[in-house]
């Protein structure tokens, strides 16, 4: 018998649909010198999403 897998807490909510803020955040990230090589999924990395929220005072979805 295998040991149980550890549990992890995921911050925020899970959304399986397209990110409505991705284009806005991508534009902001490009203007502020952040790398845009986000991988094939196109999901906004948490570090960039957090930087965007901190800089603009807006929480994204």
PDB file of N, CA and C in Angstrom:
ATOM      1  N   UNK A   1       0.851  -1.182   0.000  1.00  0.00           N
ATOM      2  CA  UNK A   1       0.000   0.000   0.000  1.00  0.00           C
ATOM      3  C   UNK A   1       0.890   1.236   0.000  1.00  0.00           C
ATOM      4  N   UNK A   2       0.532   2.207  -0.804  1.00  0.00           N
ATOM      5  CA  UNK A   2       1.300   3.438  -0.913  1.00  0.00           C
ATOM      6  C   UNK A   2       0.853   4.443   0.151  1.00  0.00           C
ATOM      7  N   UNK A   3       1.778   5.294   0.542  1.00  0.00           N
ATOM      8  CA  UNK A   3       1.435   6.364   1.481  1.00  0.00           C
ATOM      9  C   UNK A   3       0.504   7.349   0.779  1.00  0.00           C
ATOM     10  N   UNK A   4      -0.412   7.970   1.523  1.00  0.00           N
ATOM     11  CA  UNK A   4      -1.309   8.942   0.897  1.00  0.00           C
ATOM     12  C   UNK A   4      -0.518  10.147   0.390  1.00  0.00           C
ATOM     13  N   UNK A   5      -1.017  10.729  -0.674  1.00  0.00           N
ATOM     14  CA  UNK A   5      -0.381  11.925  -1.210  1.00  0.00           C
ATOM     15  C   UNK A   5      -0.619  13.096  -0.267  1.00  0.00           C
ATOM     16  N   UNK A   6       0.338  14.009  -0.187  1.00  0.00           N
ATOM     17  CA  UNK A   6       0.130  15.179   0.680  1.00  0.00           C
ATOM     18  C   UNK A   6      -0.952  16.087   0.097  1.00  0.00           C
ATOM     19  N   UNK A   7      -1.641  16.767   0.963  1.00  0.00           N
ATOM     20  CA  UNK A   7      -2.685  17.699   0.542  1.00  0.00           C
ATOM     21  C   UNK A   7      -2.065  19.075   0.343  1.00  0.00           C
ATOM     22  N   UNK A   8      -2.538  19.774  -0.649  1.00  0.00           N
ATOM     23  CA  UNK A   8      -2.058  21.125  -0.923  1.00  0.00           C
ATOM     24  C   UNK A   8      -3.253  22.061  -0.975  1.00  0.00           C
ATOM     25  N   UNK A   9      -3.040  23.266  -0.517  1.00  0.00           N
ATOM     26  CA  UNK A   9      -4.078  24.281  -0.591  1.00  0.00           C
ATOM     27  C   UNK A   9      -3.788  25.155  -1.798  1.00  0.00           C
ATOM     28  N   UNK A  10      -4.788  25.380  -2.599  1.00  0.00           N
ATOM     29  CA  UNK A  10      -4.645  26.235  -3.765  1.00  0.00           C
ATOM     30  C   UNK A  10      -5.319  27.558  -3.442  1.00  0.00           C
ATOM     31  N   UNK A  11      -4.570  28.621  -3.647  1.00  0.00           N
ATOM     32  CA  UNK A  11      -5.091  29.956  -3.376  1.00  0.00           C
ATOM     33  C   UNK A  11      -6.054  30.375  -4.482  1.00  0.00           C
ATOM     34  N   UNK A  12      -7.127  31.026  -4.142  1.00  0.00           N
ATOM     35  CA  UNK A  12      -8.061  31.532  -5.129  1.00  0.00           C
ATOM     36  C   UNK A  12      -9.080  30.488  -5.541  1.00  0.00           C
ATOM     37  N   UNK A  13      -9.682  30.737  -6.671  1.00  0.00           N
ATOM     38  CA  UNK A  13     -10.703  29.819  -7.160  1.00  0.00           C
ATOM     39  C   UNK A  13     -10.232  29.184  -8.456  1.00  0.00           C
ATOM     40  N   UNK A  14     -10.779  28.039  -8.747  1.00  0.00           N
ATOM     41  CA  UNK A  14     -10.425  27.310  -9.949  1.00  0.00           C
ATOM     42  C   UNK A  14     -11.380  27.706 -11.053  1.00  0.00           C
ATOM     43  N   UNK A  15     -10.816  28.132 -12.156  1.00  0.00           N
ATOM     44  CA  UNK A  15     -11.624  28.481 -13.310  1.00  0.00           C
ATOM     45  C   UNK A  15     -11.112  27.688 -14.496  1.00  0.00           C
ATOM     46  N   UNK A  16     -11.987  26.965 -15.140  1.00  0.00           N
ATOM     47  CA  UNK A  16     -11.584  26.152 -16.273  1.00  0.00           C
ATOM     48  C   UNK A  16     -11.820  26.859 -17.599  1.00  0.00           C
ATOM     49  N   UNK A  17     -12.455  27.991 -17.568  1.00  0.00           N
ATOM     50  CA  UNK A  17     -12.714  28.741 -18.796  1.00  0.00           C
ATOM     51  C   UNK A  17     -11.579  29.696 -19.103  1.00  0.00           C
ATOM     52  N   UNK A  18     -11.696  30.424 -20.193  1.00  0.00           N
ATOM     53  CA  UNK A  18     -10.659  31.389 -20.550  1.00  0.00           C
ATOM     54  C   UNK A  18     -10.570  32.505 -19.513  1.00  0.00           C
ATOM     55  N   UNK A  19      -9.376  32.998 -19.296  1.00  0.00           N
ATOM     56  CA  UNK A  19      -9.135  34.065 -18.323  1.00  0.00           C
ATOM     57  C   UNK A  19      -9.517  35.400 -18.958  1.00  0.00           C
ATOM     58  N   UNK A  20     -10.554  36.069 -18.453  1.00  0.00           N
ATOM     59  CA  UNK A  20     -10.980  37.326 -19.068  1.00  0.00           C
ATOM     60  C   UNK A  20      -9.958  38.450 -18.916  1.00  0.00           C
ATOM     61  N   UNK A  21      -9.033  38.329 -17.972  1.00  0.00           N
ATOM     62  CA  UNK A  21      -8.047  39.377 -17.733  1.00  0.00           C
ATOM     63  C   UNK A  21      -6.703  39.107 -18.397  1.00  0.00           C
ATOM     64  N   UNK A  22      -6.540  37.983 -19.050  1.00  0.00           N
ATOM     65  CA  UNK A  22      -5.229  37.589 -19.572  1.00  0.00           C
ATOM     66  C   UNK A  22      -4.658  38.623 -20.538  1.00  0.00           C
ATOM     67  N   UNK A  23      -5.460  39.136 -21.464  1.00  0.00           N
ATOM     68  CA  UNK A  23      -4.950  40.107 -22.432  1.00  0.00           C
ATOM     69  C   UNK A  23      -4.546  41.411 -21.761  1.00  0.00           C
ATOM     70  N   UNK A  24      -5.336  41.850 -20.795  1.00  0.00           N
ATOM     71  CA  UNK A  24      -5.026  43.089 -20.072  1.00  0.00           C
ATOM     72  C   UNK A  24      -3.722  42.920 -19.296  1.00  0.00           C
ATOM     73  N   UNK A  25      -3.597  41.802 -18.591  1.00  0.00           N
ATOM     74  CA  UNK A  25      -2.402  41.563 -17.795  1.00  0.00           C
ATOM     75  C   UNK A  25      -1.190  41.361 -18.698  1.00  0.00           C
ATOM     76  N   UNK A  26      -1.356  40.672 -19.833  1.00  0.00           N
ATOM     77  CA  UNK A  26      -0.249  40.473 -20.771  1.00  0.00           C
ATOM     78  C   UNK A  26       0.266  41.820 -21.284  1.00  0.00           C
ATOM     79  N   UNK A  27      -0.637  42.725 -21.640  1.00  0.00           N
ATOM     80  CA  UNK A  27      -0.241  44.059 -22.102  1.00  0.00           C
ATOM     81  C   UNK A  27       0.504  44.799 -21.000  1.00  0.00           C
ATOM     82  N   UNK A  28      -0.042  44.759 -19.784  1.00  0.00           N
ATOM     83  CA  UNK A  28       0.602  45.428 -18.652  1.00  0.00           C
ATOM     84  C   UNK A  28       1.983  44.835 -18.401  1.00  0.00           C
ATOM     85  N   UNK A  29       2.087  43.511 -18.427  1.00  0.00           N
ATOM     86  CA  UNK A  29       3.367  42.837 -18.172  1.00  0.00           C
ATOM     87  C   UNK A  29       4.400  43.227 -19.214  1.00  0.00           C
ATOM     88  N   UNK A  30       4.005  43.284 -20.483  1.00  0.00           N
ATOM     89  CA  UNK A  30       4.932  43.665 -21.554  1.00  0.00           C
ATOM     90  C   UNK A  30       5.420  45.099 -21.361  1.00  0.00           C
ATOM     91  N   UNK A  31       4.514  45.989 -20.989  1.00  0.00           N
ATOM     92  CA  UNK A  31       4.870  47.400 -20.780  1.00  0.00           C
ATOM     93  C   UNK A  31       5.798  47.590 -19.583  1.00  0.00           C
ATOM     94  N   UNK A  32       5.790  46.630 -18.647  1.00  0.00           N
ATOM     95  CA  UNK A  32       6.595  46.752 -17.438  1.00  0.00           C
ATOM     96  C   UNK A  32       7.773  45.790 -17.397  1.00  0.00           C
ATOM     97  N   UNK A  33       8.100  45.210 -18.550  1.00  0.00           N
ATOM     98  CA  UNK A  33       9.313  44.411 -18.666  1.00  0.00           C
ATOM     99  C   UNK A  33       9.250  42.990 -18.143  1.00  0.00           C
ATOM    100  N   UNK A  34       8.066  42.468 -17.927  1.00  0.00           N
ATOM    101  CA  UNK A  34       7.950  41.082 -17.458  1.00  0.00           C
ATOM    102  C   UNK A  34       8.066  40.129 -18.646  1.00  0.00           C
ATOM    103  N   UNK A  35       8.615  38.943 -18.434  1.00  0.00           N
ATOM    104  CA  UNK A  35       8.709  37.976 -19.532  1.00  0.00           C
ATOM    105  C   UNK A  35       7.313  37.467 -19.914  1.00  0.00           C
ATOM    106  N   UNK A  36       7.140  37.217 -21.196  1.00  0.00           N
ATOM    107  CA  UNK A  36       5.835  36.773 -21.685  1.00  0.00           C
ATOM    108  C   UNK A  36       5.846  35.315 -22.134  1.00  0.00           C
ATOM    109  N   UNK A  37       6.897  34.589 -21.826  1.00  0.00           N
ATOM    110  CA  UNK A  37       6.969  33.170 -22.194  1.00  0.00           C
ATOM    111  C   UNK A  37       6.271  32.353 -21.114  1.00  0.00           C
ATOM    112  N   UNK A  38       4.947  32.331 -21.179  1.00  0.00           N
ATOM    113  CA  UNK A  38       4.123  31.730 -20.143  1.00  0.00           C
ATOM    114  C   UNK A  38       3.779  30.283 -20.422  1.00  0.00           C
ATOM    115  N   UNK A  39       4.408  29.708 -21.391  1.00  0.00           N
ATOM    116  CA  UNK A  39       4.163  28.298 -21.678  1.00  0.00           C
ATOM    117  C   UNK A  39       2.973  28.097 -22.588  1.00  0.00           C
ATOM    118  N   UNK A  40       2.755  26.860 -22.986  1.00  0.00           N
ATOM    119  CA  UNK A  40       1.696  26.556 -23.954  1.00  0.00           C
ATOM    120  C   UNK A  40       0.280  26.780 -23.427  1.00  0.00           C
ATOM    121  N   UNK A  41       0.103  26.772 -22.119  1.00  0.00           N
ATOM    122  CA  UNK A  41      -1.249  26.947 -21.580  1.00  0.00           C
ATOM    123  C   UNK A  41      -1.723  28.382 -21.703  1.00  0.00           C
ATOM    124  N   UNK A  42      -0.783  29.333 -21.695  1.00  0.00           N
ATOM    125  CA  UNK A  42      -1.152  30.734 -21.773  1.00  0.00           C
ATOM    126  C   UNK A  42      -1.674  31.311 -20.473  1.00  0.00           C
ATOM    127  N   UNK A  43      -1.671  30.506 -19.409  1.00  0.00           N
ATOM    128  CA  UNK A  43      -2.147  31.003 -18.120  1.00  0.00           C
ATOM    129  C   UNK A  43      -1.160  32.014 -17.555  1.00  0.00           C
ATOM    130  N   UNK A  44      -1.695  33.047 -16.946  1.00  0.00           N
ATOM    131  CA  UNK A  44      -0.874  34.090 -16.346  1.00  0.00           C
ATOM    132  C   UNK A  44      -0.234  33.532 -15.076  1.00  0.00           C
ATOM    133  N   UNK A  45       1.097  33.595 -14.973  1.00  0.00           N
ATOM    134  CA  UNK A  45       1.749  33.116 -13.744  1.00  0.00           C
ATOM    135  C   UNK A  45       1.285  33.918 -12.528  1.00  0.00           C
ATOM    136  N   UNK A  46       1.208  33.257 -11.410  1.00  0.00           N
ATOM    137  CA  UNK A  46       0.755  33.902 -10.177  1.00  0.00           C
ATOM    138  C   UNK A  46       1.618  35.106  -9.821  1.00  0.00           C
ATOM    139  N   UNK A  47       2.924  34.999 -10.018  1.00  0.00           N
ATOM    140  CA  UNK A  47       3.812  36.121  -9.670  1.00  0.00           C
ATOM    141  C   UNK A  47       3.472  37.364 -10.483  1.00  0.00           C
ATOM    142  N   UNK A  48       3.139  37.196 -11.758  1.00  0.00           N
ATOM    143  CA  UNK A  48       2.788  38.343 -12.600  1.00  0.00           C
ATOM    144  C   UNK A  48       1.395  38.838 -12.247  1.00  0.00           C
ATOM    145  N   UNK A  49       0.461  37.926 -11.991  1.00  0.00           N
ATOM    146  CA  UNK A  49      -0.889  38.325 -11.586  1.00  0.00           C
ATOM    147  C   UNK A  49      -0.834  39.121 -10.273  1.00  0.00           C
ATOM    148  N   UNK A  50      -0.002  38.678  -9.321  1.00  0.00           N
ATOM    149  CA  UNK A  50       0.138  39.386  -8.044  1.00  0.00           C
ATOM    150  C   UNK A  50       0.777  40.761  -8.241  1.00  0.00           C
ATOM    151  N   UNK A  51       1.801  40.841  -9.105  1.00  0.00           N
ATOM    152  CA  UNK A  51       2.454  42.129  -9.382  1.00  0.00           C
ATOM    153  C   UNK A  51       1.467  43.096 -10.026  1.00  0.00           C
ATOM    154  N   UNK A  52       0.660  42.607 -10.945  1.00  0.00           N
ATOM    155  CA  UNK A  52      -0.372  43.424 -11.598  1.00  0.00           C
ATOM    156  C   UNK A  52      -1.364  43.950 -10.563  1.00  0.00           C
ATOM    157  N   UNK A  53      -1.837  43.064  -9.703  1.00  0.00           N
ATOM    158  CA  UNK A  53      -2.805  43.469  -8.679  1.00  0.00           C
ATOM    159  C   UNK A  53      -2.205  44.497  -7.733  1.00  0.00           C
ATOM    160  N   UNK A  54      -0.958  44.298  -7.353  1.00  0.00           N
ATOM    161  CA  UNK A  54      -0.297  45.233  -6.441  1.00  0.00           C
ATOM    162  C   UNK A  54      -0.098  46.599  -7.104  1.00  0.00           C
ATOM    163  N   UNK A  55       0.338  46.596  -8.362  1.00  0.00           N
ATOM    164  CA  UNK A  55       0.641  47.844  -9.057  1.00  0.00           C
ATOM    165  C   UNK A  55      -0.619  48.628  -9.420  1.00  0.00           C
ATOM    166  N   UNK A  56      -1.684  47.941  -9.743  1.00  0.00           N
ATOM    167  CA  UNK A  56      -2.890  48.620 -10.215  1.00  0.00           C
ATOM    168  C   UNK A  56      -3.978  48.750  -9.145  1.00  0.00           C
ATOM    169  N   UNK A  57      -3.834  47.987  -8.068  1.00  0.00           N
ATOM    170  CA  UNK A  57      -4.873  47.997  -7.046  1.00  0.00           C
ATOM    171  C   UNK A  57      -6.106  47.224  -7.455  1.00  0.00           C
ATOM    172  N   UNK A  58      -5.995  46.462  -8.551  1.00  0.00           N
ATOM    173  CA  UNK A  58      -7.129  45.666  -9.034  1.00  0.00           C
ATOM    174  C   UNK A  58      -6.844  44.187  -8.864  1.00  0.00           C
ATOM    175  N   UNK A  59      -7.793  43.477  -8.347  1.00  0.00           N
ATOM    176  CA  UNK A  59      -7.684  42.012  -8.300  1.00  0.00           C
ATOM    177  C   UNK A  59      -8.247  41.489  -9.592  1.00  0.00           C
ATOM    178  N   UNK A  60      -7.522  40.570 -10.190  1.00  0.00           N
ATOM    179  CA  UNK A  60      -8.045  39.967 -11.416  1.00  0.00           C
ATOM    180  C   UNK A  60      -8.821  38.711 -11.042  1.00  0.00           C
ATOM    181  N   UNK A  61      -9.538  38.163 -12.001  1.00  0.00           N
ATOM    182  CA  UNK A  61     -10.384  36.988 -11.743  1.00  0.00           C
ATOM    183  C   UNK A  61      -9.562  35.760 -11.609  1.00  0.00           C
TER     184      UNK A  61
END
